[in-house]
Amino acid sequence: LTVQPGTVVQFNYGDINLTVDGTLNASGTAGSPIIFTSSFDNSPTGGSNTAGNGYWGSIQFGGTSTANVMDHVEVRYGGWSLDSIVDTTAPLTLTNSVIRNSYRNGLRIVAASPTVTGVTFQNNLGAAVSMDLAAQPVITSATATNIALNGARLDGGTIECEPVSLTR
């Protein structure tokens, strides 16, 4: 699925998700970002905004998804039952974007290695980024403002590592 710059994708109220089993190429521009938002948020088209955190579901990248790009996108008011963006073992490059007003975490990473650069997380009721112990993201130049929990949340568990020998 290729989404053109300036496109506004609105989701109906409820647990409505965009599940990507192929490839999502959402490459906006600084002047024409791509916006994924609630149908209650008409502000991108000059109308009123009555949306609240979690008014729709999430964008979900599964194991059969490949070469996903989200550049200059805004993801607004997601997180009904999952986080606004969920990356489960899929290749994802998320750059120059805003994830805001999520009812849960902005980005959830499960056993994946996404590249996240220049992303702003704001007004989310969970963490900016949540991940399991198998996640290996590369996150640079990210900012988090007005986040209810933390900038990042790591699932509990045991991290396996090689034995270490310390000498003095």
C-alpha atoms as a PDB file:
ATOM      1  CA  LEU A   1       0.000   0.000   0.000  1.00  0.00           C
ATOM      2  CA  THR A   2       1.442   3.365  -1.033  1.00  0.00           C
ATOM      3  CA  VAL A   3      -0.030   6.469   0.605  1.00  0.00           C
ATOM      4  CA  GLN A   4       0.615   9.769  -1.154  1.00  0.00           C
ATOM      5  CA  PRO A   5       1.905  12.929   0.621  1.00  0.00           C
ATOM      6  CA  GLY A   6      -0.886  15.066   2.060  1.00  0.00           C
ATOM      7  CA  THR A   7      -3.314  12.152   2.420  1.00  0.00           C
ATOM      8  CA  VAL A   8      -5.531  12.069   5.513  1.00  0.00           C
ATOM      9  CA  VAL A   9      -6.620   8.557   6.549  1.00  0.00           C
ATOM     10  CA  GLN A  10      -9.482   8.627   9.055  1.00  0.00           C
ATOM     11  CA  PHE A  11     -10.582   5.622  11.105  1.00  0.00           C
ATOM     12  CA  ASN A  12     -14.061   5.145  12.544  1.00  0.00           C
ATOM     13  CA  TYR A  13     -14.506   5.111  16.305  1.00  0.00           C
ATOM     14  CA  GLY A  14     -13.603   1.819  17.969  1.00  0.00           C
ATOM     15  CA  ASP A  15     -11.073  -0.969  17.627  1.00  0.00           C
ATOM     16  CA  ILE A  16     -10.475  -0.309  13.913  1.00  0.00           C
ATOM     17  CA  ASN A  17      -6.945  -1.184  12.781  1.00  0.00           C
ATOM     18  CA  LEU A  18      -4.753  -1.010   9.704  1.00  0.00           C
ATOM     19  CA  THR A  19      -3.034  -4.413   9.567  1.00  0.00           C
ATOM     20  CA  VAL A  20      -0.073  -4.548   7.190  1.00  0.00           C
ATOM     21  CA  ASP A  21       0.772  -8.012   5.877  1.00  0.00           C
ATOM     22  CA  GLY A  22       2.580  -6.700   2.778  1.00  0.00           C
ATOM     23  CA  THR A  23       4.321  -3.322   2.602  1.00  0.00           C
ATOM     24  CA  LEU A  24       3.253   0.129   3.763  1.00  0.00           C
ATOM     25  CA  ASN A  25       5.008   2.996   2.014  1.00  0.00           C
ATOM     26  CA  ALA A  26       3.746   6.183   3.670  1.00  0.00           C
ATOM     27  CA  SER A  27       6.264   8.824   2.611  1.00  0.00           C
ATOM     28  CA  GLY A  28       4.963  12.305   3.213  1.00  0.00           C
ATOM     29  CA  THR A  29       6.925  15.544   3.127  1.00  0.00           C
ATOM     30  CA  ALA A  30       7.534  18.300   5.674  1.00  0.00           C
ATOM     31  CA  GLY A  31       4.925  20.455   3.925  1.00  0.00           C
ATOM     32  CA  SER A  32       2.519  17.593   3.155  1.00  0.00           C
ATOM     33  CA  PRO A  33       2.604  15.001   5.929  1.00  0.00           C
ATOM     34  CA  ILE A  34       0.421  11.907   5.816  1.00  0.00           C
ATOM     35  CA  ILE A  35      -2.034  11.860   8.706  1.00  0.00           C
ATOM     36  CA  PHE A  36      -3.601   8.759  10.258  1.00  0.00           C
ATOM     37  CA  THR A  37      -6.312   9.921  12.642  1.00  0.00           C
ATOM     38  CA  SER A  38      -9.815   9.495  14.004  1.00  0.00           C
ATOM     39  CA  SER A  39     -12.907  10.305  11.954  1.00  0.00           C
ATOM     40  CA  PHE A  40     -13.697  12.728  14.800  1.00  0.00           C
ATOM     41  CA  ASP A  41     -10.549  14.729  13.928  1.00  0.00           C
ATOM     42  CA  ASN A  42     -11.388  16.917  10.940  1.00  0.00           C
ATOM     43  CA  SER A  43      -8.716  19.513  11.744  1.00  0.00           C
ATOM     44  CA  PRO A  44      -6.389  18.310   8.929  1.00  0.00           C
ATOM     45  CA  THR A  45      -9.119  19.183   6.416  1.00  0.00           C
ATOM     46  CA  GLY A  46     -10.065  22.492   8.039  1.00  0.00           C
ATOM     47  CA  GLY A  47     -12.902  21.178  10.208  1.00  0.00           C
ATOM     48  CA  SER A  48     -13.420  20.687  13.921  1.00  0.00           C
ATOM     49  CA  ASN A  49     -11.683  18.207  16.194  1.00  0.00           C
ATOM     50  CA  THR A  50     -13.690  16.325  18.801  1.00  0.00           C
ATOM     51  CA  ALA A  51     -11.412  13.257  18.970  1.00  0.00           C
ATOM     52  CA  GLY A  52      -9.916  11.925  22.169  1.00  0.00           C
ATOM     53  CA  ASN A  53      -7.039   9.612  22.996  1.00  0.00           C
ATOM     54  CA  GLY A  54      -7.806   6.087  21.775  1.00  0.00           C
ATOM     55  CA  TYR A  55     -10.678   6.861  19.406  1.00  0.00           C
ATOM     56  CA  TRP A  56      -9.449   4.200  16.937  1.00  0.00           C
ATOM     57  CA  GLY A  57      -7.137   1.181  16.997  1.00  0.00           C
ATOM     58  CA  SER A  58      -3.628   0.970  15.599  1.00  0.00           C
ATOM     59  CA  ILE A  59      -1.327   0.434  12.657  1.00  0.00           C
ATOM     60  CA  GLN A  60      -0.017  -3.120  12.996  1.00  0.00           C
ATOM     61  CA  PHE A  61       2.982  -4.596  11.172  1.00  0.00           C
ATOM     62  CA  GLY A  62       3.063  -8.404  11.288  1.00  0.00           C
ATOM     63  CA  GLY A  63       5.666 -11.035  10.500  1.00  0.00           C
ATOM     64  CA  THR A  64       4.815 -11.213   6.777  1.00  0.00           C
ATOM     65  CA  SER A  65       5.185  -7.470   6.365  1.00  0.00           C
ATOM     66  CA  THR A  66       8.297  -6.180   4.547  1.00  0.00           C
ATOM     67  CA  ALA A  67      10.158  -2.933   3.775  1.00  0.00           C
ATOM     68  CA  ASN A  68       7.749  -0.611   5.624  1.00  0.00           C
ATOM     69  CA  VAL A  69       8.430   3.120   5.510  1.00  0.00           C
ATOM     70  CA  MET A  70       6.650   5.831   7.474  1.00  0.00           C
ATOM     71  CA  ASP A  71       8.266   9.220   6.854  1.00  0.00           C
ATOM     72  CA  HIS A  72       6.698  12.576   7.671  1.00  0.00           C
ATOM     73  CA  VAL A  73       3.543  11.005   9.083  1.00  0.00           C
ATOM     74  CA  GLU A  74       1.345  11.904  12.018  1.00  0.00           C
ATOM     75  CA  VAL A  75      -0.475   9.165  13.909  1.00  0.00           C
ATOM     76  CA  ARG A  76      -3.168  10.757  16.074  1.00  0.00           C
ATOM     77  CA  TYR A  77      -5.751   9.477  18.580  1.00  0.00           C
ATOM     78  CA  GLY A  78      -5.013   5.742  18.217  1.00  0.00           C
ATOM     79  CA  GLY A  79      -4.531   3.114  20.877  1.00  0.00           C
ATOM     80  CA  TRP A  80      -8.068   1.788  21.454  1.00  0.00           C
ATOM     81  CA  SER A  81      -6.941  -1.699  22.528  1.00  0.00           C
ATOM     82  CA  LEU A  82      -3.278  -1.786  21.463  1.00  0.00           C
ATOM     83  CA  ASP A  83      -0.620   0.867  21.059  1.00  0.00           C
ATOM     84  CA  SER A  84      -0.861   3.360  18.181  1.00  0.00           C
ATOM     85  CA  ILE A  85       1.818   1.577  16.121  1.00  0.00           C
ATOM     86  CA  VAL A  86       2.650  -2.093  16.763  1.00  0.00           C
ATOM     87  CA  ASP A  87       5.722  -3.633  15.098  1.00  0.00           C
ATOM     88  CA  THR A  88       5.815  -7.404  15.519  1.00  0.00           C
ATOM     89  CA  THR A  89       8.968  -8.784  13.837  1.00  0.00           C
ATOM     90  CA  ALA A  90       8.527  -6.568  10.761  1.00  0.00           C
ATOM     91  CA  PRO A  91      11.110  -4.287   9.147  1.00  0.00           C
ATOM     92  CA  LEU A  92      10.031  -0.682   9.763  1.00  0.00           C
ATOM     93  CA  THR A  93      11.692   2.669   9.160  1.00  0.00           C
ATOM     94  CA  LEU A  94       9.857   5.437  11.039  1.00  0.00           C
ATOM     95  CA  THR A  95      11.315   8.909  10.508  1.00  0.00           C
ATOM     96  CA  ASN A  96      10.467  12.603  10.888  1.00  0.00           C
ATOM     97  CA  SER A  97       7.065  11.827  12.344  1.00  0.00           C
ATOM     98  CA  VAL A  98       4.706  12.566  15.232  1.00  0.00           C
ATOM     99  CA  ILE A  99       2.828   9.981  17.283  1.00  0.00           C
ATOM    100  CA  ARG A 100       0.398  11.715  19.567  1.00  0.00           C
ATOM    101  CA  ASN A 101      -2.683  11.369  21.699  1.00  0.00           C
ATOM    102  CA  SER A 102      -2.476   7.596  22.024  1.00  0.00           C
ATOM    103  CA  TYR A 103      -4.598   5.986  24.699  1.00  0.00           C
ATOM    104  CA  ARG A 104      -1.727   3.564  25.270  1.00  0.00           C
ATOM    105  CA  ASN A 105       1.940   3.569  24.219  1.00  0.00           C
ATOM    106  CA  GLY A 106       2.945   5.404  21.073  1.00  0.00           C
ATOM    107  CA  LEU A 107       5.051   2.586  19.582  1.00  0.00           C
ATOM    108  CA  ARG A 108       5.142  -1.081  20.621  1.00  0.00           C
ATOM    109  CA  ILE A 109       8.081  -3.219  19.422  1.00  0.00           C
ATOM    110  CA  VAL A 110       7.895  -7.021  19.673  1.00  0.00           C
ATOM    111  CA  ALA A 111      10.966  -9.004  18.528  1.00  0.00           C
ATOM    112  CA  ALA A 112      11.633  -6.394  15.851  1.00  0.00           C
ATOM    113  CA  SER A 113      14.496  -4.070  14.934  1.00  0.00           C
ATOM    114  CA  PRO A 114      12.902  -0.881  13.604  1.00  0.00           C
ATOM    115  CA  THR A 115      14.829   2.281  12.808  1.00  0.00           C
ATOM    116  CA  VAL A 116      13.199   5.258  14.534  1.00  0.00           C
ATOM    117  CA  THR A 117      14.710   8.675  13.768  1.00  0.00           C
ATOM    118  CA  GLY A 118      13.462  12.182  14.470  1.00  0.00           C
ATOM    119  CA  VAL A 119      10.127  11.042  15.902  1.00  0.00           C
ATOM    120  CA  THR A 120       8.164  13.121  18.403  1.00  0.00           C
ATOM    121  CA  PHE A 121       5.903  11.375  20.897  1.00  0.00           C
ATOM    122  CA  GLN A 122       3.437  13.654  22.649  1.00  0.00           C
ATOM    123  CA  ASN A 123       0.332  13.561  24.817  1.00  0.00           C
ATOM    124  CA  ASN A 124       0.262   9.755  25.024  1.00  0.00           C
ATOM    125  CA  LEU A 125      -1.296   8.068  28.056  1.00  0.00           C
ATOM    126  CA  GLY A 126       1.329   5.290  28.013  1.00  0.00           C
ATOM    127  CA  ALA A 127       5.055   5.297  27.312  1.00  0.00           C
ATOM    128  CA  ALA A 128       6.509   6.787  24.157  1.00  0.00           C
ATOM    129  CA  VAL A 129       8.030   3.397  23.250  1.00  0.00           C
ATOM    130  CA  SER A 130       7.275  -0.003  24.763  1.00  0.00           C
ATOM    131  CA  MET A 131       9.263  -3.119  23.855  1.00  0.00           C
ATOM    132  CA  ASP A 132       9.911  -6.717  24.772  1.00  0.00           C
ATOM    133  CA  LEU A 133      13.338  -8.135  25.577  1.00  0.00           C
ATOM    134  CA  ALA A 134      13.805  -9.472  22.027  1.00  0.00           C
ATOM    135  CA  ALA A 135      13.406  -6.002  20.480  1.00  0.00           C
ATOM    136  CA  GLN A 136      16.518  -4.372  19.021  1.00  0.00           C
ATOM    137  CA  PRO A 137      15.452  -0.937  17.810  1.00  0.00           C
ATOM    138  CA  VAL A 138      17.762   1.833  16.664  1.00  0.00           C
ATOM    139  CA  ILE A 139      16.249   5.041  18.077  1.00  0.00           C
ATOM    140  CA  THR A 140      17.892   8.423  17.468  1.00  0.00           C
ATOM    141  CA  SER A 141      16.792  12.049  17.871  1.00  0.00           C
ATOM    142  CA  ALA A 142      13.441  11.147  19.412  1.00  0.00           C
ATOM    143  CA  THR A 143      11.577  13.464  21.776  1.00  0.00           C
ATOM    144  CA  ALA A 144       8.817  12.729  24.258  1.00  0.00           C
ATOM    145  CA  THR A 145       6.617  15.444  25.753  1.00  0.00           C
ATOM    146  CA  ASN A 146       3.638  15.159  28.065  1.00  0.00           C
ATOM    147  CA  ILE A 147       3.907  11.352  28.240  1.00  0.00           C
ATOM    148  CA  ALA A 148       1.946   9.801  31.111  1.00  0.00           C
ATOM    149  CA  LEU A 149       4.345   6.966  31.935  1.00  0.00           C
ATOM    150  CA  ASN A 150       7.935   7.025  30.683  1.00  0.00           C
ATOM    151  CA  GLY A 151       9.930   7.706  27.583  1.00  0.00           C
ATOM    152  CA  ALA A 152      10.547   3.958  27.215  1.00  0.00           C
ATOM    153  CA  ARG A 153       9.125   0.864  28.868  1.00  0.00           C
ATOM    154  CA  LEU A 154      10.872  -2.503  28.727  1.00  0.00           C
ATOM    155  CA  ASP A 155       8.958  -5.683  29.543  1.00  0.00           C
ATOM    156  CA  GLY A 156      10.170  -7.582  32.587  1.00  0.00           C
ATOM    157  CA  GLY A 157      12.147 -10.768  32.272  1.00  0.00           C
ATOM    158  CA  THR A 158      15.655 -12.127  32.154  1.00  0.00           C
ATOM    159  CA  ILE A 159      18.265 -10.808  29.764  1.00  0.00           C
ATOM    160  CA  GLU A 160      20.693 -13.536  28.746  1.00  0.00           C
ATOM    161  CA  CYS A 161      24.331 -12.536  28.359  1.00  0.00           C
ATOM    162  CA  GLU A 162      27.774 -14.068  28.183  1.00  0.00           C
ATOM    163  CA  PRO A 163      29.593 -14.548  31.506  1.00  0.00           C
ATOM    164  CA  VAL A 164      31.747 -11.597  32.444  1.00  0.00           C
ATOM    165  CA  SER A 165      35.104 -11.867  34.184  1.00  0.00           C
ATOM    166  CA  LEU A 166      36.298  -8.820  36.088  1.00  0.00           C
ATOM    167  CA  THR A 167      39.925  -8.406  37.074  1.00  0.00           C
ATOM    168  CA  ARG A 168      41.698  -5.613  38.840  1.00  0.00           C
END
